[in-house]
Amino acid sequence: MLYWLLVFIGFIILLIASNFLLKVLKRRGIKINRWVWAAASFLIVIIPKVIFPKMSAAWTVVLLVFCCVFAINFMTEQHQWMIDKKI
């Protein structure tokens, strides 16, 4: 029970962090295509794992957190695109 509560709280923190990141980027006039977010979410994990196969667990967790943030950014941008296009 406690494990799932921690996972839920972690997801909420990631969601807030990714929305904050998108707002900061938009405020500075930086617009990143949603497909760049999608590709980056997987490549941020794959490329370092290929280059450094014996990476420590701590670095793997950091990369997975970045993967989660980029994936959430992709989903947020995709949702915003669908709202703008009225699909």
C-alpha atoms as a PDB file:
ATOM      1  CA  MET A   1       0.000   0.000   0.000  1.00  0.00           C
ATOM      2  CA  LEU A   2       2.737   2.429   0.929  1.00  0.00           C
ATOM      3  CA  TYR A   3       4.640   1.581  -2.261  1.00  0.00           C
ATOM      4  CA  TRP A   4       1.740   2.623  -4.494  1.00  0.00           C
ATOM      5  CA  LEU A   5       1.246   5.809  -2.504  1.00  0.00           C
ATOM      6  CA  LEU A   6       4.911   6.704  -3.076  1.00  0.00           C
ATOM      7  CA  VAL A   7       4.590   5.905  -6.795  1.00  0.00           C
ATOM      8  CA  PHE A   8       1.506   8.131  -7.039  1.00  0.00           C
ATOM      9  CA  ILE A   9       3.214  10.998  -5.212  1.00  0.00           C
ATOM     10  CA  GLY A  10       6.286  10.574  -7.440  1.00  0.00           C
ATOM     11  CA  PHE A  11       4.120  10.742 -10.554  1.00  0.00           C
ATOM     12  CA  ILE A  12       2.406  13.913  -9.325  1.00  0.00           C
ATOM     13  CA  ILE A  13       5.815  15.485  -8.656  1.00  0.00           C
ATOM     14  CA  LEU A  14       6.990  14.539 -12.174  1.00  0.00           C
ATOM     15  CA  LEU A  15       3.813  15.978 -13.674  1.00  0.00           C
ATOM     16  CA  ILE A  16       4.263  19.265 -11.827  1.00  0.00           C
ATOM     17  CA  ALA A  17       7.960  19.437 -12.771  1.00  0.00           C
ATOM     18  CA  SER A  18       7.263  18.810 -16.458  1.00  0.00           C
ATOM     19  CA  ASN A  19       4.477  21.408 -16.566  1.00  0.00           C
ATOM     20  CA  PHE A  20       6.789  23.893 -14.860  1.00  0.00           C
ATOM     21  CA  LEU A  21       9.488  23.130 -17.446  1.00  0.00           C
ATOM     22  CA  LEU A  22       7.056  23.701 -20.332  1.00  0.00           C
ATOM     23  CA  LYS A  23       5.868  27.000 -18.858  1.00  0.00           C
ATOM     24  CA  VAL A  24       9.442  28.242 -18.407  1.00  0.00           C
ATOM     25  CA  LEU A  25      10.320  27.279 -21.985  1.00  0.00           C
ATOM     26  CA  LYS A  26       7.213  28.980 -23.394  1.00  0.00           C
ATOM     27  CA  ARG A  27       7.887  32.111 -21.344  1.00  0.00           C
ATOM     28  CA  ARG A  28      11.350  32.317 -22.927  1.00  0.00           C
ATOM     29  CA  GLY A  29       9.901  31.820 -26.404  1.00  0.00           C
ATOM     30  CA  ILE A  30      11.289  28.308 -26.890  1.00  0.00           C
ATOM     31  CA  LYS A  31       8.865  25.959 -28.623  1.00  0.00           C
ATOM     32  CA  ILE A  32      10.018  22.362 -28.967  1.00  0.00           C
ATOM     33  CA  ASN A  33       8.098  20.120 -31.348  1.00  0.00           C
ATOM     34  CA  ARG A  34       6.146  17.376 -29.626  1.00  0.00           C
ATOM     35  CA  TRP A  35       7.862  14.694 -31.701  1.00  0.00           C
ATOM     36  CA  VAL A  36      11.257  15.885 -30.460  1.00  0.00           C
ATOM     37  CA  TRP A  37       9.993  15.315 -26.912  1.00  0.00           C
ATOM     38  CA  ALA A  38       8.827  11.820 -27.922  1.00  0.00           C
ATOM     39  CA  ALA A  39      12.140  10.845 -29.528  1.00  0.00           C
ATOM     40  CA  ALA A  40      14.189  12.363 -26.720  1.00  0.00           C
ATOM     41  CA  SER A  41      12.272  10.471 -24.056  1.00  0.00           C
ATOM     42  CA  PHE A  42      13.575   7.152 -25.353  1.00  0.00           C
ATOM     43  CA  LEU A  43      16.937   8.234 -26.723  1.00  0.00           C
ATOM     44  CA  ILE A  44      17.934   9.768 -23.387  1.00  0.00           C
ATOM     45  CA  VAL A  45      17.963   6.244 -21.961  1.00  0.00           C
ATOM     46  CA  ILE A  46      19.080   4.203 -24.975  1.00  0.00           C
ATOM     47  CA  ILE A  47      22.161   6.170 -26.055  1.00  0.00           C
ATOM     48  CA  PRO A  48      23.933   6.274 -22.649  1.00  0.00           C
ATOM     49  CA  LYS A  49      23.140   2.573 -22.074  1.00  0.00           C
ATOM     50  CA  VAL A  50      24.773   1.701 -25.416  1.00  0.00           C
ATOM     51  CA  ILE A  51      27.818   3.875 -24.778  1.00  0.00           C
ATOM     52  CA  PHE A  52      28.234   2.887 -21.106  1.00  0.00           C
ATOM     53  CA  PRO A  53      26.770  -0.627 -20.643  1.00  0.00           C
ATOM     54  CA  LYS A  54      27.947  -0.902 -17.023  1.00  0.00           C
ATOM     55  CA  MET A  55      26.355   2.300 -15.775  1.00  0.00           C
ATOM     56  CA  SER A  56      25.599   2.609 -12.067  1.00  0.00           C
ATOM     57  CA  ALA A  57      22.052   2.274 -10.805  1.00  0.00           C
ATOM     58  CA  ALA A  58      21.974   5.903  -9.641  1.00  0.00           C
ATOM     59  CA  TRP A  59      22.679   7.203 -13.160  1.00  0.00           C
ATOM     60  CA  THR A  60      20.087   4.855 -14.582  1.00  0.00           C
ATOM     61  CA  VAL A  61      17.469   6.255 -12.203  1.00  0.00           C
ATOM     62  CA  VAL A  62      18.392   9.819 -13.192  1.00  0.00           C
ATOM     63  CA  LEU A  63      18.058   8.930 -16.870  1.00  0.00           C
ATOM     64  CA  LEU A  64      14.708   7.262 -16.244  1.00  0.00           C
ATOM     65  CA  VAL A  65      13.446  10.386 -14.468  1.00  0.00           C
ATOM     66  CA  PHE A  66      14.444  12.479 -17.495  1.00  0.00           C
ATOM     67  CA  CYS A  67      12.705   9.923 -19.708  1.00  0.00           C
ATOM     68  CA  CYS A  68       9.530  10.311 -17.655  1.00  0.00           C
ATOM     69  CA  VAL A  69       9.653  14.109 -17.789  1.00  0.00           C
ATOM     70  CA  PHE A  70      10.178  14.132 -21.558  1.00  0.00           C
ATOM     71  CA  ALA A  71       7.383  11.587 -22.088  1.00  0.00           C
ATOM     72  CA  ILE A  72       4.992  13.650 -19.968  1.00  0.00           C
ATOM     73  CA  ASN A  73       5.997  16.754 -21.941  1.00  0.00           C
ATOM     74  CA  PHE A  74       5.200  14.889 -25.162  1.00  0.00           C
ATOM     75  CA  MET A  75       1.781  13.862 -23.880  1.00  0.00           C
ATOM     76  CA  THR A  76       1.046  17.393 -22.664  1.00  0.00           C
ATOM     77  CA  GLU A  77       2.070  18.944 -25.979  1.00  0.00           C
ATOM     78  CA  GLN A  78       0.100  16.319 -27.920  1.00  0.00           C
ATOM     79  CA  HIS A  79      -2.985  17.080 -25.824  1.00  0.00           C
ATOM     80  CA  GLN A  80      -2.555  20.814 -26.385  1.00  0.00           C
ATOM     81  CA  TRP A  81      -2.178  20.217 -30.134  1.00  0.00           C
ATOM     82  CA  MET A  82      -5.378  18.176 -30.189  1.00  0.00           C
ATOM     83  CA  ILE A  83      -7.241  20.923 -28.315  1.00  0.00           C
ATOM     84  CA  ASP A  84      -5.941  23.584 -30.727  1.00  0.00           C
ATOM     85  CA  LYS A  85      -6.918  21.523 -33.791  1.00  0.00           C
ATOM     86  CA  LYS A  86     -10.265  20.562 -32.181  1.00  0.00           C
ATOM     87  CA  ILE A  87      -9.783  16.885 -32.896  1.00  0.00           C
END
